Amino acid sequence: MTKREITIRLDSGLETRPVALLVQMASQFQSDVYVESDTRRVNAKSIMGMMTLGLDSGSEVTISANGEDEKEAVDKIAAYLTRSLG
């Protein structure tokens, strides 16, 4: 299992469009991918699950993945969530 703690830097936080892009990105990987915030852990491949987290820019989360391409999955998702679009 690969894990990484990050701070979300997307200017708009995780609104509908950024969540849809994240889910689409996570779905490209064979590994199980999760996003954790506080005590909640959701499947990053689930748009409804991701929306329930209500994450904003500045939120701290842990991205984890388990499977054959886990490192690549965590790296790519972390890079997406920590980039500023402004």
PDB file of N, CA and C in Angstrom:
ATOM      1  N   MET A   1       0.851  -1.186   0.000  1.00  0.00           N
ATOM      2  CA  MET A   1       0.000   0.000   0.000  1.00  0.00           C
ATOM      3  C   MET A   1       0.890   1.242   0.000  1.00  0.00           C
ATOM      4  N   THR A   2       0.505   2.204  -0.826  1.00  0.00           N
ATOM      5  CA  THR A   2       1.202   3.483  -0.898  1.00  0.00           C
ATOM      6  C   THR A   2       0.264   4.552  -0.370  1.00  0.00           C
ATOM      7  N   LYS A   3       0.795   5.438   0.488  1.00  0.00           N
ATOM      8  CA  LYS A   3       0.004   6.534   1.059  1.00  0.00           C
ATOM      9  C   LYS A   3       0.780   7.831   0.964  1.00  0.00           C
ATOM     10  N   ARG A   4       0.036   8.928   0.840  1.00  0.00           N
ATOM     11  CA  ARG A   4       0.673  10.242   0.875  1.00  0.00           C
ATOM     12  C   ARG A   4      -0.308  11.259   1.440  1.00  0.00           C
ATOM     13  N   GLU A   5       0.182  12.070   2.381  1.00  0.00           N
ATOM     14  CA  GLU A   5      -0.622  13.160   2.920  1.00  0.00           C
ATOM     15  C   GLU A   5      -0.339  14.403   2.096  1.00  0.00           C
ATOM     16  N   ILE A   6      -1.410  15.099   1.722  1.00  0.00           N
ATOM     17  CA  ILE A   6      -1.262  16.303   0.922  1.00  0.00           C
ATOM     18  C   ILE A   6      -2.228  17.380   1.404  1.00  0.00           C
ATOM     19  N   THR A   7      -1.996  18.600   0.944  1.00  0.00           N
ATOM     20  CA  THR A   7      -2.933  19.694   1.145  1.00  0.00           C
ATOM     21  C   THR A   7      -3.477  20.068  -0.225  1.00  0.00           C
ATOM     22  N   ILE A   8      -4.782  20.096  -0.358  1.00  0.00           N
ATOM     23  CA  ILE A   8      -5.414  20.422  -1.637  1.00  0.00           C
ATOM     24  C   ILE A   8      -5.120  21.869  -1.987  1.00  0.00           C
ATOM     25  N   ARG A   9      -4.665  22.095  -3.197  1.00  0.00           N
ATOM     26  CA  ARG A   9      -4.313  23.436  -3.663  1.00  0.00           C
ATOM     27  C   ARG A   9      -5.157  23.899  -4.840  1.00  0.00           C
ATOM     28  N   LEU A  10      -6.121  23.096  -5.275  1.00  0.00           N
ATOM     29  CA  LEU A  10      -7.009  23.531  -6.361  1.00  0.00           C
ATOM     30  C   LEU A  10      -7.766  24.762  -5.892  1.00  0.00           C
ATOM     31  N   ASP A  11      -7.742  25.824  -6.685  1.00  0.00           N
ATOM     32  CA  ASP A  11      -8.348  27.088  -6.268  1.00  0.00           C
ATOM     33  C   ASP A  11      -9.821  26.954  -5.911  1.00  0.00           C
ATOM     34  N   SER A  12     -10.539  26.107  -6.643  1.00  0.00           N
ATOM     35  CA  SER A  12     -11.974  25.960  -6.401  1.00  0.00           C
ATOM     36  C   SER A  12     -12.288  24.850  -5.398  1.00  0.00           C
ATOM     37  N   GLY A  13     -11.259  24.196  -4.855  1.00  0.00           N
ATOM     38  CA  GLY A  13     -11.507  23.050  -3.997  1.00  0.00           C
ATOM     39  C   GLY A  13     -12.029  21.900  -4.840  1.00  0.00           C
ATOM     40  N   LEU A  14     -12.739  21.000  -4.226  1.00  0.00           N
ATOM     41  CA  LEU A  14     -13.251  19.859  -4.981  1.00  0.00           C
ATOM     42  C   LEU A  14     -14.751  20.031  -5.232  1.00  0.00           C
ATOM     43  N   GLU A  15     -15.048  20.909  -6.169  1.00  0.00           N
ATOM     44  CA  GLU A  15     -16.417  21.081  -6.620  1.00  0.00           C
ATOM     45  C   GLU A  15     -16.717  20.006  -7.655  1.00  0.00           C
ATOM     46  N   THR A  16     -17.856  20.072  -8.287  1.00  0.00           N
ATOM     47  CA  THR A  16     -18.321  19.004  -9.175  1.00  0.00           C
ATOM     48  C   THR A  16     -17.342  18.667 -10.298  1.00  0.00           C
ATOM     49  N   ARG A  17     -16.882  19.653 -11.039  1.00  0.00           N
ATOM     50  CA  ARG A  17     -16.000  19.366 -12.173  1.00  0.00           C
ATOM     51  C   ARG A  17     -14.658  18.779 -11.722  1.00  0.00           C
ATOM     52  N   PRO A  18     -13.966  19.397 -10.742  1.00  0.00           N
ATOM     53  CA  PRO A  18     -12.705  18.797 -10.297  1.00  0.00           C
ATOM     54  C   PRO A  18     -12.884  17.389  -9.719  1.00  0.00           C
ATOM     55  N   VAL A  19     -14.007  17.125  -9.041  1.00  0.00           N
ATOM     56  CA  VAL A  19     -14.267  15.782  -8.520  1.00  0.00           C
ATOM     57  C   VAL A  19     -14.447  14.810  -9.672  1.00  0.00           C
ATOM     58  N   ALA A  20     -15.181  15.208 -10.703  1.00  0.00           N
ATOM     59  CA  ALA A  20     -15.393  14.335 -11.859  1.00  0.00           C
ATOM     60  C   ALA A  20     -14.060  13.998 -12.526  1.00  0.00           C
ATOM     61  N   LEU A  21     -13.177  14.980 -12.643  1.00  0.00           N
ATOM     62  CA  LEU A  21     -11.855  14.729 -13.225  1.00  0.00           C
ATOM     63  C   LEU A  21     -11.029  13.795 -12.356  1.00  0.00           C
ATOM     64  N   LEU A  22     -11.120  13.972 -11.048  1.00  0.00           N
ATOM     65  CA  LEU A  22     -10.392  13.108 -10.121  1.00  0.00           C
ATOM     66  C   LEU A  22     -10.886  11.665 -10.224  1.00  0.00           C
ATOM     67  N   VAL A  23     -12.188  11.476 -10.244  1.00  0.00           N
ATOM     68  CA  VAL A  23     -12.772  10.132 -10.346  1.00  0.00           C
ATOM     69  C   VAL A  23     -12.366   9.486 -11.667  1.00  0.00           C
ATOM     70  N   GLN A  24     -12.403  10.257 -12.736  1.00  0.00           N
ATOM     71  CA  GLN A  24     -11.995   9.763 -14.045  1.00  0.00           C
ATOM     72  C   GLN A  24     -10.519   9.333 -14.020  1.00  0.00           C
ATOM     73  N   MET A  25      -9.685  10.136 -13.368  1.00  0.00           N
ATOM     74  CA  MET A  25      -8.255   9.830 -13.258  1.00  0.00           C
ATOM     75  C   MET A  25      -8.046   8.561 -12.423  1.00  0.00           C
ATOM     76  N   ALA A  26      -8.699   8.464 -11.282  1.00  0.00           N
ATOM     77  CA  ALA A  26      -8.545   7.306 -10.400  1.00  0.00           C
ATOM     78  C   ALA A  26      -9.021   6.028 -11.073  1.00  0.00           C
ATOM     79  N   SER A  27     -10.048   6.146 -11.900  1.00  0.00           N
ATOM     80  CA  SER A  27     -10.617   4.981 -12.570  1.00  0.00           C
ATOM     81  C   SER A  27      -9.699   4.387 -13.628  1.00  0.00           C
ATOM     82  N   GLN A  28      -8.672   5.105 -14.028  1.00  0.00           N
ATOM     83  CA  GLN A  28      -7.718   4.608 -15.015  1.00  0.00           C
ATOM     84  C   GLN A  28      -6.763   3.572 -14.425  1.00  0.00           C
ATOM     85  N   PHE A  29      -6.719   3.482 -13.108  1.00  0.00           N
ATOM     86  CA  PHE A  29      -5.760   2.598 -12.450  1.00  0.00           C
ATOM     87  C   PHE A  29      -6.411   1.295 -12.004  1.00  0.00           C
ATOM     88  N   GLN A  30      -5.623   0.226 -12.023  1.00  0.00           N
ATOM     89  CA  GLN A  30      -6.082  -1.079 -11.550  1.00  0.00           C
ATOM     90  C   GLN A  30      -6.225  -1.094 -10.026  1.00  0.00           C
ATOM     91  N   SER A  31      -5.386  -0.315  -9.351  1.00  0.00           N
ATOM     92  CA  SER A  31      -5.359  -0.303  -7.887  1.00  0.00           C
ATOM     93  C   SER A  31      -6.649   0.252  -7.296  1.00  0.00           C
ATOM     94  N   ASP A  32      -6.932  -0.163  -6.058  1.00  0.00           N
ATOM     95  CA  ASP A  32      -7.985   0.464  -5.269  1.00  0.00           C
ATOM     96  C   ASP A  32      -7.418   1.781  -4.776  1.00  0.00           C
ATOM     97  N   VAL A  33      -8.155   2.878  -4.962  1.00  0.00           N
ATOM     98  CA  VAL A  33      -7.664   4.204  -4.603  1.00  0.00           C
ATOM     99  C   VAL A  33      -8.663   4.848  -3.649  1.00  0.00           C
ATOM    100  N   TYR A  34      -8.140   5.420  -2.549  1.00  0.00           N
ATOM    101  CA  TYR A  34      -8.988   6.037  -1.532  1.00  0.00           C
ATOM    102  C   TYR A  34      -8.483   7.426  -1.178  1.00  0.00           C
ATOM    103  N   VAL A  35      -9.419   8.272  -0.751  1.00  0.00           N
ATOM    104  CA  VAL A  35      -9.092   9.585  -0.202  1.00  0.00           C
ATOM    105  C   VAL A  35      -9.662   9.622   1.206  1.00  0.00           C
ATOM    106  N   GLU A  36      -8.810  10.004   2.165  1.00  0.00           N
ATOM    107  CA  GLU A  36      -9.221  10.085   3.563  1.00  0.00           C
ATOM    108  C   GLU A  36      -9.164  11.528   4.040  1.00  0.00           C
ATOM    109  N   SER A  37     -10.188  11.938   4.766  1.00  0.00           N
ATOM    110  CA  SER A  37     -10.241  13.252   5.388  1.00  0.00           C
ATOM    111  C   SER A  37     -10.805  13.074   6.782  1.00  0.00           C
ATOM    112  N   ASP A  38     -10.045  13.489   7.779  1.00  0.00           N
ATOM    113  CA  ASP A  38     -10.416  13.263   9.178  1.00  0.00           C
ATOM    114  C   ASP A  38     -10.639  11.764   9.385  1.00  0.00           C
ATOM    115  N   THR A  39     -11.848  11.365   9.734  1.00  0.00           N
ATOM    116  CA  THR A  39     -12.108   9.949   9.990  1.00  0.00           C
ATOM    117  C   THR A  39     -12.852   9.276   8.842  1.00  0.00           C
ATOM    118  N   ARG A  40     -13.058  10.008   7.748  1.00  0.00           N
ATOM    119  CA  ARG A  40     -13.817   9.467   6.613  1.00  0.00           C
ATOM    120  C   ARG A  40     -12.878   9.007   5.516  1.00  0.00           C
ATOM    121  N   ARG A  41     -13.179   7.855   4.956  1.00  0.00           N
ATOM    122  CA  ARG A  41     -12.384   7.277   3.867  1.00  0.00           C
ATOM    123  C   ARG A  41     -13.345   6.871   2.765  1.00  0.00           C
ATOM    124  N   VAL A  42     -13.118   7.402   1.554  1.00  0.00           N
ATOM    125  CA  VAL A  42     -14.011   7.079   0.448  1.00  0.00           C
ATOM    126  C   VAL A  42     -13.219   6.574  -0.758  1.00  0.00           C
ATOM    127  N   ASN A  43     -13.895   5.821  -1.575  1.00  0.00           N
ATOM    128  CA  ASN A  43     -13.330   5.298  -2.806  1.00  0.00           C
ATOM    129  C   ASN A  43     -13.182   6.461  -3.789  1.00  0.00           C
ATOM    130  N   ALA A  44     -11.958   6.705  -4.247  1.00  0.00           N
ATOM    131  CA  ALA A  44     -11.706   7.823  -5.169  1.00  0.00           C
ATOM    132  C   ALA A  44     -12.320   7.584  -6.545  1.00  0.00           C
ATOM    133  N   LYS A  45     -12.819   6.387  -6.802  1.00  0.00           N
ATOM    134  CA  LYS A  45     -13.460   6.073  -8.075  1.00  0.00           C
ATOM    135  C   LYS A  45     -14.971   6.299  -8.017  1.00  0.00           C
ATOM    136  N   SER A  46     -15.457   6.777  -6.870  1.00  0.00           N
ATOM    137  CA  SER A  46     -16.886   7.014  -6.667  1.00  0.00           C
ATOM    138  C   SER A  46     -17.166   8.513  -6.604  1.00  0.00           C
ATOM    139  N   ILE A  47     -17.890   9.024  -7.592  1.00  0.00           N
ATOM    140  CA  ILE A  47     -18.181  10.456  -7.602  1.00  0.00           C
ATOM    141  C   ILE A  47     -19.046  10.852  -6.407  1.00  0.00           C
ATOM    142  N   MET A  48     -20.007  10.006  -6.047  1.00  0.00           N
ATOM    143  CA  MET A  48     -20.857  10.329  -4.886  1.00  0.00           C
ATOM    144  C   MET A  48     -20.051  10.311  -3.592  1.00  0.00           C
ATOM    145  N   GLY A  49     -19.178   9.330  -3.459  1.00  0.00           N
ATOM    146  CA  GLY A  49     -18.342   9.265  -2.269  1.00  0.00           C
ATOM    147  C   GLY A  49     -17.456  10.483  -2.144  1.00  0.00           C
ATOM    148  N   MET A  50     -16.817  10.873  -3.240  1.00  0.00           N
ATOM    149  CA  MET A  50     -15.929  12.036  -3.216  1.00  0.00           C
ATOM    150  C   MET A  50     -16.691  13.316  -2.899  1.00  0.00           C
ATOM    151  N   MET A  51     -17.895  13.460  -3.435  1.00  0.00           N
ATOM    152  CA  MET A  51     -18.684  14.668  -3.170  1.00  0.00           C
ATOM    153  C   MET A  51     -19.069  14.785  -1.698  1.00  0.00           C
ATOM    154  N   THR A  52     -19.242  13.655  -1.016  1.00  0.00           N
ATOM    155  CA  THR A  52     -19.649  13.710   0.389  1.00  0.00           C
ATOM    156  C   THR A  52     -18.549  14.270   1.289  1.00  0.00           C
ATOM    157  N   LEU A  53     -17.304  14.269   0.821  1.00  0.00           N
ATOM    158  CA  LEU A  53     -16.214  14.801   1.642  1.00  0.00           C
ATOM    159  C   LEU A  53     -16.256  16.320   1.742  1.00  0.00           C
ATOM    160  N   GLY A  54     -16.804  16.998   0.738  1.00  0.00           N
ATOM    161  CA  GLY A  54     -16.910  18.456   0.770  1.00  0.00           C
ATOM    162  C   GLY A  54     -15.579  19.155   0.984  1.00  0.00           C
ATOM    163  N   LEU A  55     -14.569  18.761   0.246  1.00  0.00           N
ATOM    164  CA  LEU A  55     -13.220  19.296   0.445  1.00  0.00           C
ATOM    165  C   LEU A  55     -13.020  20.634  -0.256  1.00  0.00           C
ATOM    166  N   ASP A  56     -12.280  21.514   0.402  1.00  0.00           N
ATOM    167  CA  ASP A  56     -11.953  22.828  -0.137  1.00  0.00           C
ATOM    168  C   ASP A  56     -10.451  22.966  -0.292  1.00  0.00           C
ATOM    169  N   SER A  57     -10.038  24.010  -0.979  1.00  0.00           N
ATOM    170  CA  SER A  57      -8.619  24.316  -1.067  1.00  0.00           C
ATOM    171  C   SER A  57      -8.100  24.534   0.354  1.00  0.00           C
ATOM    172  N   GLY A  58      -6.971  23.938   0.669  1.00  0.00           N
ATOM    173  CA  GLY A  58      -6.405  24.016   2.014  1.00  0.00           C
ATOM    174  C   GLY A  58      -6.728  22.816   2.884  1.00  0.00           C
ATOM    175  N   SER A  59      -7.674  21.980   2.450  1.00  0.00           N
ATOM    176  CA  SER A  59      -8.011  20.768   3.197  1.00  0.00           C
ATOM    177  C   SER A  59      -6.853  19.776   3.130  1.00  0.00           C
ATOM    178  N   GLU A  60      -6.594  19.118   4.243  1.00  0.00           N
ATOM    179  CA  GLU A  60      -5.556  18.101   4.279  1.00  0.00           C
ATOM    180  C   GLU A  60      -6.203  16.731   4.143  1.00  0.00           C
ATOM    181  N   VAL A  61      -5.661  15.921   3.226  1.00  0.00           N
ATOM    182  CA  VAL A  61      -6.193  14.597   2.967  1.00  0.00           C
ATOM    183  C   VAL A  61      -5.052  13.603   2.837  1.00  0.00           C
ATOM    184  N   THR A  62      -5.397  12.336   2.941  1.00  0.00           N
ATOM    185  CA  THR A  62      -4.451  11.257   2.676  1.00  0.00           C
ATOM    186  C   THR A  62      -4.960  10.481   1.477  1.00  0.00           C
ATOM    187  N   ILE A  63      -4.095  10.318   0.507  1.00  0.00           N
ATOM    188  CA  ILE A  63      -4.417   9.518  -0.673  1.00  0.00           C
ATOM    189  C   ILE A  63      -3.731   8.177  -0.482  1.00  0.00           C
ATOM    190  N   SER A  64      -4.459   7.097  -0.683  1.00  0.00           N
ATOM    191  CA  SER A  64      -3.857   5.771  -0.559  1.00  0.00           C
ATOM    192  C   SER A  64      -4.306   4.902  -1.724  1.00  0.00           C
ATOM    193  N   ALA A  65      -3.437   3.964  -2.074  1.00  0.00           N
ATOM    194  CA  ALA A  65      -3.755   3.034  -3.149  1.00  0.00           C
ATOM    195  C   ALA A  65      -3.126   1.687  -2.831  1.00  0.00           C
ATOM    196  N   ASN A  66      -3.788   0.645  -3.288  1.00  0.00           N
ATOM    197  CA  ASN A  66      -3.302  -0.706  -3.068  1.00  0.00           C
ATOM    198  C   ASN A  66      -3.513  -1.501  -4.353  1.00  0.00           C
ATOM    199  N   GLY A  67      -2.407  -1.961  -4.943  1.00  0.00           N
ATOM    200  CA  GLY A  67      -2.497  -2.733  -6.174  1.00  0.00           C
ATOM    201  C   GLY A  67      -1.239  -2.593  -7.000  1.00  0.00           C
ATOM    202  N   GLU A  68      -1.298  -3.128  -8.211  1.00  0.00           N
ATOM    203  CA  GLU A  68      -0.099  -3.207  -9.038  1.00  0.00           C
ATOM    204  C   GLU A  68       0.432  -1.856  -9.500  1.00  0.00           C
ATOM    205  N   ASP A  69      -0.426  -0.840  -9.634  1.00  0.00           N
ATOM    206  CA  ASP A  69       0.028   0.479 -10.073  1.00  0.00           C
ATOM    207  C   ASP A  69      -0.215   1.551  -9.006  1.00  0.00           C
ATOM    208  N   GLU A  70      -0.125   1.131  -7.736  1.00  0.00           N
ATOM    209  CA  GLU A  70      -0.452   2.017  -6.618  1.00  0.00           C
ATOM    210  C   GLU A  70       0.408   3.277  -6.549  1.00  0.00           C
ATOM    211  N   LYS A  71       1.701   3.149  -6.769  1.00  0.00           N
ATOM    212  CA  LYS A  71       2.577   4.322  -6.673  1.00  0.00           C
ATOM    213  C   LYS A  71       2.226   5.339  -7.746  1.00  0.00           C
ATOM    214  N   GLU A  72       2.029   4.887  -8.959  1.00  0.00           N
ATOM    215  CA  GLU A  72       1.666   5.783 -10.057  1.00  0.00           C
ATOM    216  C   GLU A  72       0.322   6.463  -9.777  1.00  0.00           C
ATOM    217  N   ALA A  73      -0.631   5.711  -9.232  1.00  0.00           N
ATOM    218  CA  ALA A  73      -1.950   6.273  -8.914  1.00  0.00           C
ATOM    219  C   ALA A  73      -1.835   7.384  -7.880  1.00  0.00           C
ATOM    220  N   VAL A  74      -1.118   7.132  -6.795  1.00  0.00           N
ATOM    221  CA  VAL A  74      -0.961   8.137  -5.739  1.00  0.00           C
ATOM    222  C   VAL A  74      -0.210   9.349  -6.273  1.00  0.00           C
ATOM    223  N   ASP A  75       0.860   9.117  -7.034  1.00  0.00           N
ATOM    224  CA  ASP A  75       1.639  10.232  -7.588  1.00  0.00           C
ATOM    225  C   ASP A  75       0.790  11.128  -8.485  1.00  0.00           C
ATOM    226  N   LYS A  76       0.023  10.529  -9.381  1.00  0.00           N
ATOM    227  CA  LYS A  76      -0.764  11.300 -10.343  1.00  0.00           C
ATOM    228  C   LYS A  76      -1.888  12.074  -9.656  1.00  0.00           C
ATOM    229  N   ILE A  77      -2.568  11.439  -8.719  1.00  0.00           N
ATOM    230  CA  ILE A  77      -3.676  12.113  -8.027  1.00  0.00           C
ATOM    231  C   ILE A  77      -3.152  13.212  -7.115  1.00  0.00           C
ATOM    232  N   ALA A  78      -2.052  12.953  -6.436  1.00  0.00           N
ATOM    233  CA  ALA A  78      -1.447  13.986  -5.582  1.00  0.00           C
ATOM    234  C   ALA A  78      -1.026  15.187  -6.421  1.00  0.00           C
ATOM    235  N   ALA A  79      -0.422  14.946  -7.569  1.00  0.00           N
ATOM    236  CA  ALA A  79      -0.006  16.041  -8.438  1.00  0.00           C
ATOM    237  C   ALA A  79      -1.208  16.877  -8.884  1.00  0.00           C
ATOM    238  N   TYR A  80      -2.306  16.200  -9.213  1.00  0.00           N
ATOM    239  CA  TYR A  80      -3.513  16.907  -9.640  1.00  0.00           C
ATOM    240  C   TYR A  80      -4.079  17.785  -8.513  1.00  0.00           C
ATOM    241  N   LEU A  81      -4.181  17.222  -7.314  1.00  0.00           N
ATOM    242  CA  LEU A  81      -4.801  17.946  -6.204  1.00  0.00           C
ATOM    243  C   LEU A  81      -3.932  19.054  -5.624  1.00  0.00           C
ATOM    244  N   THR A  82      -2.645  19.022  -5.879  1.00  0.00           N
ATOM    245  CA  THR A  82      -1.759  20.031  -5.286  1.00  0.00           C
ATOM    246  C   THR A  82      -1.346  21.123  -6.271  1.00  0.00           C
ATOM    247  N   ARG A  83      -1.907  21.111  -7.451  1.00  0.00           N
ATOM    248  CA  ARG A  83      -1.550  22.166  -8.400  1.00  0.00           C
ATOM    249  C   ARG A  83      -2.551  23.318  -8.301  1.00  0.00           C
ATOM    250  N   SER A  84      -2.056  24.518  -8.474  1.00  0.00           N
ATOM    251  CA  SER A  84      -2.904  25.702  -8.451  1.00  0.00           C
ATOM    252  C   SER A  84      -3.277  26.049  -9.881  1.00  0.00           C
ATOM    253  N   LEU A  85      -4.525  26.248 -10.141  1.00  0.00           N
ATOM    254  CA  LEU A  85      -4.983  26.563 -11.488  1.00  0.00           C
ATOM    255  C   LEU A  85      -5.010  28.060 -11.748  1.00  0.00           C
ATOM    256  N   GLY A  86      -4.807  28.863 -10.702  1.00  0.00           N
ATOM    257  CA  GLY A  86      -4.899  30.313 -10.839  1.00  0.00           C
ATOM    258  C   GLY A  86      -3.686  30.882 -11.467  1.00  0.00           C
TER     259      GLY A  86
END
